C-alpha atoms as a PDB file:
ATOM      1  CA  GLN A   1     -11.989  13.885   5.935  1.00  0.00           C
ATOM      2  CA  VAL A   2      -9.143  12.254   4.034  1.00  0.00           C
ATOM      3  CA  GLN A   3      -9.211  11.279   0.382  1.00  0.00           C
ATOM      4  CA  LEU A   4      -6.799   8.760  -1.116  1.00  0.00           C
ATOM      5  CA  VAL A   5      -5.913   8.107  -4.745  1.00  0.00           C
ATOM      6  CA  GLU A   6      -3.765   5.122  -5.657  1.00  0.00           C
ATOM      7  CA  SER A   7      -1.783   4.460  -8.803  1.00  0.00           C
ATOM      8  CA  GLY A   8       0.945   2.208 -10.109  1.00  0.00           C
ATOM      9  CA  GLY A   9      -0.620  -1.209 -10.378  1.00  0.00           C
ATOM     10  CA  GLY A  10      -0.256  -3.413 -13.423  1.00  0.00           C
ATOM     11  CA  LEU A  11       0.920  -6.692 -14.860  1.00  0.00           C
ATOM     12  CA  VAL A  12       4.444  -7.894 -14.195  1.00  0.00           C
ATOM     13  CA  GLN A  13       6.337 -11.162 -14.505  1.00  0.00           C
ATOM     14  CA  ALA A  14       7.476 -13.063 -11.459  1.00  0.00           C
ATOM     15  CA  GLY A  15      10.688 -11.597 -10.125  1.00  0.00           C
ATOM     16  CA  GLY A  16       9.812  -8.142 -11.389  1.00  0.00           C
ATOM     17  CA  SER A  17       9.089  -4.911  -9.566  1.00  0.00           C
ATOM     18  CA  LEU A  18       6.305  -2.362  -9.253  1.00  0.00           C
ATOM     19  CA  ARG A  19       5.857   0.805  -7.243  1.00  0.00           C
ATOM     20  CA  LEU A  20       2.470   1.808  -5.933  1.00  0.00           C
ATOM     21  CA  SER A  21       1.653   5.380  -4.980  1.00  0.00           C
ATOM     22  CA  CYS A  22      -1.046   6.747  -2.699  1.00  0.00           C
ATOM     23  CA  ALA A  23      -1.703  10.473  -2.707  1.00  0.00           C
ATOM     24  CA  ALA A  24      -3.595  11.853   0.281  1.00  0.00           C
ATOM     25  CA  SER A  25      -5.610  15.053   0.438  1.00  0.00           C
ATOM     26  CA  GLY A  26      -8.041  16.696   2.819  1.00  0.00           C
ATOM     27  CA  SER A  27      -7.486  16.470   6.588  1.00  0.00           C
ATOM     28  CA  ILE A  28      -3.874  15.303   6.360  1.00  0.00           C
ATOM     29  CA  PHE A  29      -3.172  16.448   9.918  1.00  0.00           C
ATOM     30  CA  SER A  30      -5.545  13.816  11.270  1.00  0.00           C
ATOM     31  CA  ILE A  31      -3.588  10.869   9.851  1.00  0.00           C
ATOM     32  CA  ASN A  32      -1.732   8.790  12.463  1.00  0.00           C
ATOM     33  CA  ALA A  33      -0.440   6.110  10.137  1.00  0.00           C
ATOM     34  CA  MET A  34      -0.721   4.991   6.540  1.00  0.00           C
ATOM     35  CA  GLY A  35      -0.534   1.544   5.145  1.00  0.00           C
ATOM     36  CA  TRP A  36      -1.215  -0.888   2.379  1.00  0.00           C
ATOM     37  CA  TYR A  37      -3.557  -3.837   2.367  1.00  0.00           C
ATOM     38  CA  ARG A  38      -4.307  -6.367  -0.333  1.00  0.00           C
ATOM     39  CA  GLN A  39      -7.134  -8.682  -1.219  1.00  0.00           C
ATOM     40  CA  ALA A  40      -6.747 -11.662  -3.512  1.00  0.00           C
ATOM     41  CA  PRO A  41      -9.764 -13.320  -5.163  1.00  0.00           C
ATOM     42  CA  GLY A  42     -11.686 -15.420  -2.672  1.00  0.00           C
ATOM     43  CA  LYS A  43      -9.556 -14.287   0.260  1.00  0.00           C
ATOM     44  CA  GLN A  44      -9.913 -11.788   3.069  1.00  0.00           C
ATOM     45  CA  ARG A  45      -8.204  -8.432   2.944  1.00  0.00           C
ATOM     46  CA  GLU A  46      -4.819  -8.589   4.672  1.00  0.00           C
ATOM     47  CA  TRP A  47      -2.423  -5.925   5.774  1.00  0.00           C
ATOM     48  CA  VAL A  48       0.883  -5.624   3.968  1.00  0.00           C
ATOM     49  CA  ALA A  49       2.835  -2.698   5.404  1.00  0.00           C
ATOM     50  CA  PHE A  50       2.451   0.371   7.617  1.00  0.00           C
ATOM     51  CA  ILE A  51       4.358   3.585   8.139  1.00  0.00           C
ATOM     52  CA  TYR A  52       3.757   5.647  11.248  1.00  0.00           C
ATOM     53  CA  SER A  53       4.084   9.313  12.114  1.00  0.00           C
ATOM     54  CA  ASP A  54       7.574   8.705  13.552  1.00  0.00           C
ATOM     55  CA  ASP A  55       8.594   7.035  10.250  1.00  0.00           C
ATOM     56  CA  SER A  56       8.765   3.613  11.813  1.00  0.00           C
ATOM     57  CA  THR A  57       7.534   0.796   9.580  1.00  0.00           C
ATOM     58  CA  ASN A  58       6.042  -2.629   9.914  1.00  0.00           C
ATOM     59  CA  TYR A  59       5.658  -5.425   7.377  1.00  0.00           C
ATOM     60  CA  ALA A  60       3.738  -8.644   7.046  1.00  0.00           C
ATOM     61  CA  ASP A  61       6.024 -11.667   7.130  1.00  0.00           C
ATOM     62  CA  SER A  62       5.003 -12.597   3.593  1.00  0.00           C
ATOM     63  CA  VAL A  63       6.516  -9.420   2.136  1.00  0.00           C
ATOM     64  CA  LYS A  64       9.342  -8.663   4.555  1.00  0.00           C
ATOM     65  CA  GLY A  65      12.596  -8.132   2.711  1.00  0.00           C
ATOM     66  CA  ARG A  66      10.839  -7.679  -0.643  1.00  0.00           C
ATOM     67  CA  PHE A  67       8.527  -4.689  -0.129  1.00  0.00           C
ATOM     68  CA  THR A  68       9.414  -1.236   1.178  1.00  0.00           C
ATOM     69  CA  ILE A  69       6.970   1.414   2.357  1.00  0.00           C
ATOM     70  CA  SER A  70       8.032   5.036   2.329  1.00  0.00           C
ATOM     71  CA  ARG A  71       6.527   8.493   2.129  1.00  0.00           C
ATOM     72  CA  ASP A  72       7.155  11.953   0.748  1.00  0.00           C
ATOM     73  CA  ASN A  73       5.628  14.447   3.168  1.00  0.00           C
ATOM     74  CA  ALA A  74       6.011  17.323   0.717  1.00  0.00           C
ATOM     75  CA  LYS A  75       3.777  15.454  -1.738  1.00  0.00           C
ATOM     76  CA  ASN A  76       1.504  13.864   0.889  1.00  0.00           C
ATOM     77  CA  THR A  77       2.225  10.577  -0.845  1.00  0.00           C
ATOM     78  CA  VAL A  78       3.015   7.109   0.416  1.00  0.00           C
ATOM     79  CA  TYR A  79       4.763   4.533  -1.752  1.00  0.00           C
ATOM     80  CA  LEU A  80       5.023   0.776  -1.761  1.00  0.00           C
ATOM     81  CA  GLN A  81       8.066  -0.493  -3.631  1.00  0.00           C
ATOM     82  CA  MET A  82       7.523  -4.146  -4.459  1.00  0.00           C
ATOM     83  CA  ASN A  83      10.503  -6.214  -5.583  1.00  0.00           C
ATOM     84  CA  SER A  84      10.950  -9.915  -6.310  1.00  0.00           C
ATOM     85  CA  LEU A  85       7.248 -10.215  -6.968  1.00  0.00           C
ATOM     86  CA  LYS A  86       5.624 -13.630  -6.817  1.00  0.00           C
ATOM     87  CA  PRO A  87       2.379 -14.922  -8.356  1.00  0.00           C
ATOM     88  CA  GLU A  88       0.930 -15.096  -4.839  1.00  0.00           C
ATOM     89  CA  ASP A  89       1.323 -11.312  -4.573  1.00  0.00           C
ATOM     90  CA  THR A  90      -1.469 -10.967  -7.131  1.00  0.00           C
ATOM     91  CA  ALA A  91      -4.275  -8.955  -5.540  1.00  0.00           C
ATOM     92  CA  VAL A  92      -6.043  -5.639  -5.437  1.00  0.00           C
ATOM     93  CA  TYR A  93      -3.909  -3.359  -3.297  1.00  0.00           C
ATOM     94  CA  TYR A  94      -5.594  -0.745  -1.128  1.00  0.00           C
ATOM     95  CA  CYS A  95      -4.068   2.258   0.539  1.00  0.00           C
ATOM     96  CA  ALA A  96      -5.381   3.090   4.012  1.00  0.00           C
ATOM     97  CA  ALA A  97      -5.093   6.188   6.169  1.00  0.00           C
ATOM     98  CA  ILE A  98      -5.629   5.618   9.870  1.00  0.00           C
ATOM     99  CA  THR A  99      -7.182   8.446  11.863  1.00  0.00           C
ATOM    100  CA  ARG A 100      -8.939   8.643  15.227  1.00  0.00           C
ATOM    101  CA  GLY A 101     -12.170   8.164  13.333  1.00  0.00           C
ATOM    102  CA  GLY A 102     -11.003   4.905  11.825  1.00  0.00           C
ATOM    103  CA  PRO A 103      -9.551   3.917   8.450  1.00  0.00           C
ATOM    104  CA  THR A 104     -10.113   5.635   5.141  1.00  0.00           C
ATOM    105  CA  TRP A 105      -9.602   3.516   2.042  1.00  0.00           C
ATOM    106  CA  GLY A 106      -8.441   4.212  -1.445  1.00  0.00           C
ATOM    107  CA  GLN A 107     -10.198   2.762  -4.468  1.00  0.00           C
ATOM    108  CA  GLY A 108      -7.668  -0.022  -4.946  1.00  0.00           C
ATOM    109  CA  THR A 109      -5.248  -0.851  -7.720  1.00  0.00           C
ATOM    110  CA  GLN A 110      -4.800  -4.252  -9.358  1.00  0.00           C
ATOM    111  CA  VAL A 111      -1.426  -5.984  -9.231  1.00  0.00           C
ATOM    112  CA  THR A 112      -1.067  -9.137 -11.304  1.00  0.00           C
ATOM    113  CA  VAL A 113       2.101 -11.221 -11.236  1.00  0.00           C
ATOM    114  CA  SER A 114       2.438 -13.838 -13.955  1.00  0.00           C
ATOM    115  CA  SER A 115       4.512 -16.973 -13.534  1.00  0.00           C
END
């Protein structure tokens, strides 16, 4: 099994930046991809960004050009650098590890962007 611990959320003004971290432990070898999702109040959870085992990345149109996903294999950690934040980016952000058995979720971290 994989365990995920997120950190780095907080309150920031519009136009500011935050970096989220997601540290993975356990059956790291079983992870095919890692990503970030977010869920705003009253809305469904939506995917934000993914990074795959070949280091390729994919982004939702709403964050393309503003967010960057990366990873440090030595630390088993994935990052989400969020720049030019907007009030509509306010949500709980969840890290996800994708394995053959399905996704494993982190506990979530709150990101609030004030206007």
